[in-house]
Amino acid sequence: MNIPIVTKTKNENIQFLRGIAILAVVIIHSSMPDVLRVVIRPFVNYAVALFIFLSGYLTNIDISDKKNFMKKELLRLLFLI
């Protein structure tokens, strides 16, 4: 009897961080009294920064040719402006 081996492709720590950030976004967008919002908001403002950090951390970029990389990035940024 062969038991199939299941491999995990997603890092559980990163998934945990994503889950915490999702909860923070839900808290930010939930309707709560103004006083409670003023108290809680500083502790959940990290959510967007965490999403941006994780997307950059998980992006696989080949920077072997720095000149070509910088040229592509500058062009991409110019088109966003």
PDB file of N, CA and C in Angstrom:
ATOM      1  N   MET A   1       0.842  -1.178   0.000  1.00  0.00           N
ATOM      2  CA  MET A   1       0.000   0.000   0.000  1.00  0.00           C
ATOM      3  C   MET A   1       0.892   1.248   0.000  1.00  0.00           C
ATOM      4  N   ASN A   2       0.794   2.024  -1.041  1.00  0.00           N
ATOM      5  CA  ASN A   2       1.584   3.251  -1.157  1.00  0.00           C
ATOM      6  C   ASN A   2       0.773   4.439  -0.659  1.00  0.00           C
ATOM      7  N   ILE A   3       1.358   5.187   0.235  1.00  0.00           N
ATOM      8  CA  ILE A   3       0.709   6.398   0.745  1.00  0.00           C
ATOM      9  C   ILE A   3       1.320   7.582   0.010  1.00  0.00           C
ATOM     10  N   PRO A   4       0.475   8.385  -0.657  1.00  0.00           N
ATOM     11  CA  PRO A   4       1.025   9.534  -1.390  1.00  0.00           C
ATOM     12  C   PRO A   4       1.603  10.569  -0.433  1.00  0.00           C
ATOM     13  N   ILE A   5       2.700  11.154  -0.838  1.00  0.00           N
ATOM     14  CA  ILE A   5       3.352  12.192  -0.041  1.00  0.00           C
ATOM     15  C   ILE A   5       2.817  13.543  -0.501  1.00  0.00           C
ATOM     16  N   VAL A   6       2.297  14.294   0.442  1.00  0.00           N
ATOM     17  CA  VAL A   6       1.759  15.613   0.148  1.00  0.00           C
ATOM     18  C   VAL A   6       2.822  16.638   0.525  1.00  0.00           C
ATOM     19  N   THR A   7       3.185  17.462  -0.433  1.00  0.00           N
ATOM     20  CA  THR A   7       4.163  18.513  -0.153  1.00  0.00           C
ATOM     21  C   THR A   7       3.449  19.851  -0.053  1.00  0.00           C
ATOM     22  N   LYS A   8       3.887  20.651   0.862  1.00  0.00           N
ATOM     23  CA  LYS A   8       3.308  21.979   1.021  1.00  0.00           C
ATOM     24  C   LYS A   8       4.084  22.951   0.152  1.00  0.00           C
ATOM     25  N   THR A   9       3.355  23.716  -0.637  1.00  0.00           N
ATOM     26  CA  THR A   9       4.022  24.673  -1.511  1.00  0.00           C
ATOM     27  C   THR A   9       3.997  26.084  -0.932  1.00  0.00           C
ATOM     28  N   LYS A  10       3.153  26.308   0.068  1.00  0.00           N
ATOM     29  CA  LYS A  10       3.064  27.645   0.644  1.00  0.00           C
ATOM     30  C   LYS A  10       3.680  27.646   2.034  1.00  0.00           C
ATOM     31  N   ASN A  11       4.426  28.681   2.326  1.00  0.00           N
ATOM     32  CA  ASN A  11       5.054  28.831   3.626  1.00  0.00           C
ATOM     33  C   ASN A  11       3.978  29.190   4.656  1.00  0.00           C
ATOM     34  N   GLU A  12       3.858  28.376   5.688  1.00  0.00           N
ATOM     35  CA  GLU A  12       2.811  28.601   6.687  1.00  0.00           C
ATOM     36  C   GLU A  12       3.016  29.905   7.460  1.00  0.00           C
ATOM     37  N   ASN A  13       4.247  30.315   7.675  1.00  0.00           N
ATOM     38  CA  ASN A  13       4.498  31.579   8.372  1.00  0.00           C
ATOM     39  C   ASN A  13       3.994  32.767   7.566  1.00  0.00           C
ATOM     40  N   ILE A  14       4.229  32.721   6.261  1.00  0.00           N
ATOM     41  CA  ILE A  14       3.762  33.813   5.403  1.00  0.00           C
ATOM     42  C   ILE A  14       2.242  33.807   5.334  1.00  0.00           C
ATOM     43  N   GLN A  15       1.630  32.625   5.270  1.00  0.00           N
ATOM     44  CA  GLN A  15       0.181  32.539   5.263  1.00  0.00           C
ATOM     45  C   GLN A  15      -0.403  33.095   6.568  1.00  0.00           C
ATOM     46  N   PHE A  16       0.275  32.836   7.680  1.00  0.00           N
ATOM     47  CA  PHE A  16      -0.164  33.375   8.970  1.00  0.00           C
ATOM     48  C   PHE A  16      -0.112  34.900   8.952  1.00  0.00           C
ATOM     49  N   LEU A  17       0.990  35.470   8.442  1.00  0.00           N
ATOM     50  CA  LEU A  17       1.113  36.928   8.360  1.00  0.00           C
ATOM     51  C   LEU A  17       0.028  37.523   7.464  1.00  0.00           C
ATOM     52  N   ARG A  18      -0.254  36.855   6.355  1.00  0.00           N
ATOM     53  CA  ARG A  18      -1.321  37.324   5.464  1.00  0.00           C
ATOM     54  C   ARG A  18      -2.672  37.304   6.174  1.00  0.00           C
ATOM     55  N   GLY A  19      -2.914  36.251   6.950  1.00  0.00           N
ATOM     56  CA  GLY A  19      -4.173  36.156   7.693  1.00  0.00           C
ATOM     57  C   GLY A  19      -4.316  37.266   8.719  1.00  0.00           C
ATOM     58  N   ILE A  20      -3.233  37.568   9.424  1.00  0.00           N
ATOM     59  CA  ILE A  20      -3.248  38.654  10.411  1.00  0.00           C
ATOM     60  C   ILE A  20      -3.510  39.994   9.707  1.00  0.00           C
ATOM     61  N   ALA A  21      -2.874  40.203   8.553  1.00  0.00           N
ATOM     62  CA  ALA A  21      -3.082  41.447   7.809  1.00  0.00           C
ATOM     63  C   ALA A  21      -4.520  41.552   7.311  1.00  0.00           C
ATOM     64  N   ILE A  22      -5.095  40.438   6.893  1.00  0.00           N
ATOM     65  CA  ILE A  22      -6.495  40.447   6.438  1.00  0.00           C
ATOM     66  C   ILE A  22      -7.418  40.825   7.595  1.00  0.00           C
ATOM     67  N   LEU A  23      -7.168  40.252   8.769  1.00  0.00           N
ATOM     68  CA  LEU A  23      -7.974  40.614   9.939  1.00  0.00           C
ATOM     69  C   LEU A  23      -7.840  42.096  10.267  1.00  0.00           C
ATOM     70  N   ALA A  24      -6.638  42.632  10.145  1.00  0.00           N
ATOM     71  CA  ALA A  24      -6.425  44.060  10.415  1.00  0.00           C
ATOM     72  C   ALA A  24      -7.210  44.919   9.427  1.00  0.00           C
ATOM     73  N   VAL A  25      -7.244  44.515   8.160  1.00  0.00           N
ATOM     74  CA  VAL A  25      -8.006  45.276   7.161  1.00  0.00           C
ATOM     75  C   VAL A  25      -9.503  45.225   7.478  1.00  0.00           C
ATOM     76  N   VAL A  26      -9.985  44.067   7.892  1.00  0.00           N
ATOM     77  CA  VAL A  26     -11.401  43.949   8.270  1.00  0.00           C
ATOM     78  C   VAL A  26     -11.704  44.866   9.446  1.00  0.00           C
ATOM     79  N   ILE A  27     -10.813  44.904  10.423  1.00  0.00           N
ATOM     80  CA  ILE A  27     -11.013  45.784  11.579  1.00  0.00           C
ATOM     81  C   ILE A  27     -11.010  47.251  11.148  1.00  0.00           C
ATOM     82  N   ILE A  28     -10.099  47.609  10.245  1.00  0.00           N
ATOM     83  CA  ILE A  28     -10.027  48.990   9.758  1.00  0.00           C
ATOM     84  C   ILE A  28     -11.331  49.397   9.074  1.00  0.00           C
ATOM     85  N   HIS A  29     -11.901  48.493   8.283  1.00  0.00           N
ATOM     86  CA  HIS A  29     -13.088  48.830   7.493  1.00  0.00           C
ATOM     87  C   HIS A  29     -14.396  48.553   8.225  1.00  0.00           C
ATOM     88  N   SER A  30     -14.339  47.994   9.411  1.00  0.00           N
ATOM     89  CA  SER A  30     -15.575  47.745  10.149  1.00  0.00           C
ATOM     90  C   SER A  30     -16.057  49.045  10.784  1.00  0.00           C
ATOM     91  N   SER A  31     -17.351  49.124  10.930  1.00  0.00           N
ATOM     92  CA  SER A  31     -17.897  50.346  11.539  1.00  0.00           C
ATOM     93  C   SER A  31     -17.898  50.170  13.053  1.00  0.00           C
ATOM     94  N   MET A  32     -17.216  51.062  13.706  1.00  0.00           N
ATOM     95  CA  MET A  32     -17.151  51.049  15.166  1.00  0.00           C
ATOM     96  C   MET A  32     -17.225  52.489  15.652  1.00  0.00           C
ATOM     97  N   PRO A  33     -17.556  52.663  16.912  1.00  0.00           N
ATOM     98  CA  PRO A  33     -17.644  54.033  17.452  1.00  0.00           C
ATOM     99  C   PRO A  33     -16.322  54.787  17.294  1.00  0.00           C
ATOM    100  N   ASP A  34     -16.426  56.082  17.181  1.00  0.00           N
ATOM    101  CA  ASP A  34     -15.246  56.917  16.928  1.00  0.00           C
ATOM    102  C   ASP A  34     -14.168  56.776  17.982  1.00  0.00           C
ATOM    103  N   VAL A  35     -14.542  56.705  19.243  1.00  0.00           N
ATOM    104  CA  VAL A  35     -13.557  56.598  20.321  1.00  0.00           C
ATOM    105  C   VAL A  35     -12.794  55.279  20.193  1.00  0.00           C
ATOM    106  N   LEU A  36     -13.514  54.192  19.955  1.00  0.00           N
ATOM    107  CA  LEU A  36     -12.867  52.886  19.796  1.00  0.00           C
ATOM    108  C   LEU A  36     -11.970  52.871  18.562  1.00  0.00           C
ATOM    109  N   ARG A  37     -12.411  53.514  17.498  1.00  0.00           N
ATOM    110  CA  ARG A  37     -11.613  53.594  16.267  1.00  0.00           C
ATOM    111  C   ARG A  37     -10.292  54.327  16.521  1.00  0.00           C
ATOM    112  N   VAL A  38     -10.337  55.403  17.290  1.00  0.00           N
ATOM    113  CA  VAL A  38      -9.128  56.168  17.599  1.00  0.00           C
ATOM    114  C   VAL A  38      -8.151  55.333  18.415  1.00  0.00           C
ATOM    115  N   VAL A  39      -8.663  54.481  19.278  1.00  0.00           N
ATOM    116  CA  VAL A  39      -7.809  53.646  20.116  1.00  0.00           C
ATOM    117  C   VAL A  39      -7.220  52.480  19.330  1.00  0.00           C
ATOM    118  N   ILE A  40      -8.018  51.837  18.486  1.00  0.00           N
ATOM    119  CA  ILE A  40      -7.591  50.614  17.792  1.00  0.00           C
ATOM    120  C   ILE A  40      -6.792  50.893  16.518  1.00  0.00           C
ATOM    121  N   ARG A  41      -7.138  51.945  15.806  1.00  0.00           N
ATOM    122  CA  ARG A  41      -6.542  52.199  14.480  1.00  0.00           C
ATOM    123  C   ARG A  41      -5.010  52.206  14.458  1.00  0.00           C
ATOM    124  N   PRO A  42      -4.318  52.819  15.421  1.00  0.00           N
ATOM    125  CA  PRO A  42      -2.846  52.803  15.367  1.00  0.00           C
ATOM    126  C   PRO A  42      -2.245  51.399  15.437  1.00  0.00           C
ATOM    127  N   PHE A  43      -2.978  50.452  16.027  1.00  0.00           N
ATOM    128  CA  PHE A  43      -2.456  49.101  16.169  1.00  0.00           C
ATOM    129  C   PHE A  43      -2.729  48.216  14.954  1.00  0.00           C
ATOM    130  N   VAL A  44      -3.576  48.659  14.032  1.00  0.00           N
ATOM    131  CA  VAL A  44      -3.895  47.850  12.855  1.00  0.00           C
ATOM    132  C   VAL A  44      -3.500  48.537  11.543  1.00  0.00           C
ATOM    133  N   ASN A  45      -2.815  49.661  11.634  1.00  0.00           N
ATOM    134  CA  ASN A  45      -2.414  50.392  10.432  1.00  0.00           C
ATOM    135  C   ASN A  45      -1.297  49.711   9.648  1.00  0.00           C
ATOM    136  N   TYR A  46      -0.727  48.650  10.162  1.00  0.00           N
ATOM    137  CA  TYR A  46       0.381  47.961   9.512  1.00  0.00           C
ATOM    138  C   TYR A  46      -0.062  47.088   8.338  1.00  0.00           C
ATOM    139  N   ALA A  47      -1.347  46.880   8.163  1.00  0.00           N
ATOM    140  CA  ALA A  47      -1.844  45.887   7.213  1.00  0.00           C
ATOM    141  C   ALA A  47      -1.382  46.153   5.778  1.00  0.00           C
ATOM    142  N   VAL A  48      -1.546  47.354   5.291  1.00  0.00           N
ATOM    143  CA  VAL A  48      -1.169  47.660   3.906  1.00  0.00           C
ATOM    144  C   VAL A  48       0.337  47.528   3.725  1.00  0.00           C
ATOM    145  N   ALA A  49       1.091  48.027   4.681  1.00  0.00           N
ATOM    146  CA  ALA A  49       2.554  47.912   4.597  1.00  0.00           C
ATOM    147  C   ALA A  49       2.979  46.446   4.590  1.00  0.00           C
ATOM    148  N   LEU A  50       2.302  45.611   5.367  1.00  0.00           N
ATOM    149  CA  LEU A  50       2.632  44.190   5.405  1.00  0.00           C
ATOM    150  C   LEU A  50       2.322  43.520   4.074  1.00  0.00           C
ATOM    151  N   PHE A  51       1.188  43.864   3.460  1.00  0.00           N
ATOM    152  CA  PHE A  51       0.865  43.305   2.139  1.00  0.00           C
ATOM    153  C   PHE A  51       1.908  43.711   1.103  1.00  0.00           C
ATOM    154  N   ILE A  52       2.329  44.962   1.122  1.00  0.00           N
ATOM    155  CA  ILE A  52       3.344  45.427   0.168  1.00  0.00           C
ATOM    156  C   ILE A  52       4.673  44.723   0.417  1.00  0.00           C
ATOM    157  N   PHE A  53       5.059  44.585   1.677  1.00  0.00           N
ATOM    158  CA  PHE A  53       6.297  43.890   2.010  1.00  0.00           C
ATOM    159  C   PHE A  53       6.254  42.444   1.535  1.00  0.00           C
ATOM    160  N   LEU A  54       5.156  41.732   1.812  1.00  0.00           N
ATOM    161  CA  LEU A  54       5.063  40.322   1.426  1.00  0.00           C
ATOM    162  C   LEU A  54       5.062  40.158  -0.090  1.00  0.00           C
ATOM    163  N   SER A  55       4.421  41.072  -0.808  1.00  0.00           N
ATOM    164  CA  SER A  55       4.423  40.945  -2.269  1.00  0.00           C
ATOM    165  C   SER A  55       5.826  41.157  -2.816  1.00  0.00           C
ATOM    166  N   GLY A  56       6.589  42.070  -2.237  1.00  0.00           N
ATOM    167  CA  GLY A  56       7.973  42.254  -2.667  1.00  0.00           C
ATOM    168  C   GLY A  56       8.858  41.103  -2.251  1.00  0.00           C
ATOM    169  N   TYR A  57       8.625  40.569  -1.065  1.00  0.00           N
ATOM    170  CA  TYR A  57       9.425  39.453  -0.553  1.00  0.00           C
ATOM    171  C   TYR A  57       9.206  38.190  -1.375  1.00  0.00           C
ATOM    172  N   LEU A  58       7.994  38.003  -1.851  1.00  0.00           N
ATOM    173  CA  LEU A  58       7.657  36.784  -2.590  1.00  0.00           C
ATOM    174  C   LEU A  58       7.880  36.904  -4.089  1.00  0.00           C
ATOM    175  N   THR A  59       8.273  38.081  -4.541  1.00  0.00           N
ATOM    176  CA  THR A  59       8.515  38.279  -5.968  1.00  0.00           C
ATOM    177  C   THR A  59       9.906  37.780  -6.328  1.00  0.00           C
ATOM    178  N   ASN A  60       9.982  36.977  -7.355  1.00  0.00           N
ATOM    179  CA  ASN A  60      11.261  36.438  -7.804  1.00  0.00           C
ATOM    180  C   ASN A  60      11.779  37.323  -8.935  1.00  0.00           C
ATOM    181  N   ILE A  61      12.796  38.104  -8.645  1.00  0.00           N
ATOM    182  CA  ILE A  61      13.349  39.040  -9.627  1.00  0.00           C
ATOM    183  C   ILE A  61      14.780  38.635  -9.952  1.00  0.00           C
ATOM    184  N   ASP A  62      15.069  38.591 -11.242  1.00  0.00           N
ATOM    185  CA  ASP A  62      16.429  38.295 -11.677  1.00  0.00           C
ATOM    186  C   ASP A  62      17.137  39.625 -11.937  1.00  0.00           C
ATOM    187  N   ILE A  63      18.137  39.935 -11.125  1.00  0.00           N
ATOM    188  CA  ILE A  63      18.863  41.199 -11.265  1.00  0.00           C
ATOM    189  C   ILE A  63      20.301  40.913 -11.678  1.00  0.00           C
ATOM    190  N   SER A  64      20.502  39.943 -12.529  1.00  0.00           N
ATOM    191  CA  SER A  64      21.865  39.643 -12.965  1.00  0.00           C
ATOM    192  C   SER A  64      22.404  40.746 -13.870  1.00  0.00           C
ATOM    193  N   ASP A  65      21.512  41.366 -14.655  1.00  0.00           N
ATOM    194  CA  ASP A  65      21.910  42.476 -15.517  1.00  0.00           C
ATOM    195  C   ASP A  65      21.334  43.758 -14.912  1.00  0.00           C
ATOM    196  N   LYS A  66      22.107  44.428 -14.058  1.00  0.00           N
ATOM    197  CA  LYS A  66      21.605  45.588 -13.322  1.00  0.00           C
ATOM    198  C   LYS A  66      21.206  46.742 -14.228  1.00  0.00           C
ATOM    199  N   LYS A  67      21.965  46.959 -15.293  1.00  0.00           N
ATOM    200  CA  LYS A  67      21.669  48.072 -16.197  1.00  0.00           C
ATOM    201  C   LYS A  67      20.311  47.866 -16.871  1.00  0.00           C
ATOM    202  N   ASN A  68      20.080  46.667 -17.369  1.00  0.00           N
ATOM    203  CA  ASN A  68      18.808  46.359 -18.025  1.00  0.00           C
ATOM    204  C   ASN A  68      17.656  46.409 -17.019  1.00  0.00           C
ATOM    205  N   PHE A  69      17.893  45.916 -15.811  1.00  0.00           N
ATOM    206  CA  PHE A  69      16.865  45.934 -14.766  1.00  0.00           C
ATOM    207  C   PHE A  69      16.454  47.368 -14.442  1.00  0.00           C
ATOM    208  N   MET A  70      17.437  48.246 -14.235  1.00  0.00           N
ATOM    209  CA  MET A  70      17.135  49.638 -13.905  1.00  0.00           C
ATOM    210  C   MET A  70      16.408  50.338 -15.052  1.00  0.00           C
ATOM    211  N   LYS A  71      16.796  50.043 -16.273  1.00  0.00           N
ATOM    212  CA  LYS A  71      16.145  50.634 -17.443  1.00  0.00           C
ATOM    213  C   LYS A  71      14.665  50.238 -17.475  1.00  0.00           C
ATOM    214  N   LYS A  72      14.384  48.954 -17.263  1.00  0.00           N
ATOM    215  CA  LYS A  72      12.999  48.468 -17.269  1.00  0.00           C
ATOM    216  C   LYS A  72      12.186  49.099 -16.141  1.00  0.00           C
ATOM    217  N   GLU A  73      12.772  49.183 -14.957  1.00  0.00           N
ATOM    218  CA  GLU A  73      12.067  49.723 -13.799  1.00  0.00           C
ATOM    219  C   GLU A  73      11.781  51.223 -13.979  1.00  0.00           C
ATOM    220  N   LEU A  74      12.750  51.959 -14.505  1.00  0.00           N
ATOM    221  CA  LEU A  74      12.526  53.393 -14.724  1.00  0.00           C
ATOM    222  C   LEU A  74      11.432  53.620 -15.768  1.00  0.00           C
ATOM    223  N   LEU A  75      11.432  52.834 -16.817  1.00  0.00           N
ATOM    224  CA  LEU A  75      10.371  52.958 -17.818  1.00  0.00           C
ATOM    225  C   LEU A  75       9.006  52.630 -17.220  1.00  0.00           C
ATOM    226  N   ARG A  76       8.972  51.602 -16.402  1.00  0.00           N
ATOM    227  CA  ARG A  76       7.708  51.214 -15.762  1.00  0.00           C
ATOM    228  C   ARG A  76       7.219  52.320 -14.839  1.00  0.00           C
ATOM    229  N   LEU A  77       8.127  52.934 -14.085  1.00  0.00           N
ATOM    230  CA  LEU A  77       7.738  54.014 -13.188  1.00  0.00           C
ATOM    231  C   LEU A  77       7.280  55.257 -13.945  1.00  0.00           C
ATOM    232  N   LEU A  78       7.934  55.549 -15.061  1.00  0.00           N
ATOM    233  CA  LEU A  78       7.542  56.714 -15.864  1.00  0.00           C
ATOM    234  C   LEU A  78       6.130  56.560 -16.416  1.00  0.00           C
ATOM    235  N   PHE A  79       5.760  55.344 -16.778  1.00  0.00           N
ATOM    236  CA  PHE A  79       4.410  55.127 -17.304  1.00  0.00           C
ATOM    237  C   PHE A  79       3.352  55.181 -16.213  1.00  0.00           C
ATOM    238  N   LEU A  80       3.746  54.992 -14.949  1.00  0.00           N
ATOM    239  CA  LEU A  80       2.779  55.088 -13.844  1.00  0.00           C
ATOM    240  C   LEU A  80       2.494  56.521 -13.473  1.00  0.00           C
ATOM    241  N   ILE A  81       3.406  57.430 -13.799  1.00  0.00           N
ATOM    242  CA  ILE A  81       3.225  58.834 -13.401  1.00  0.00           C
ATOM    243  C   ILE A  81       2.232  59.534 -14.293  1.00  0.00           C
TER     244      ILE A  81
END
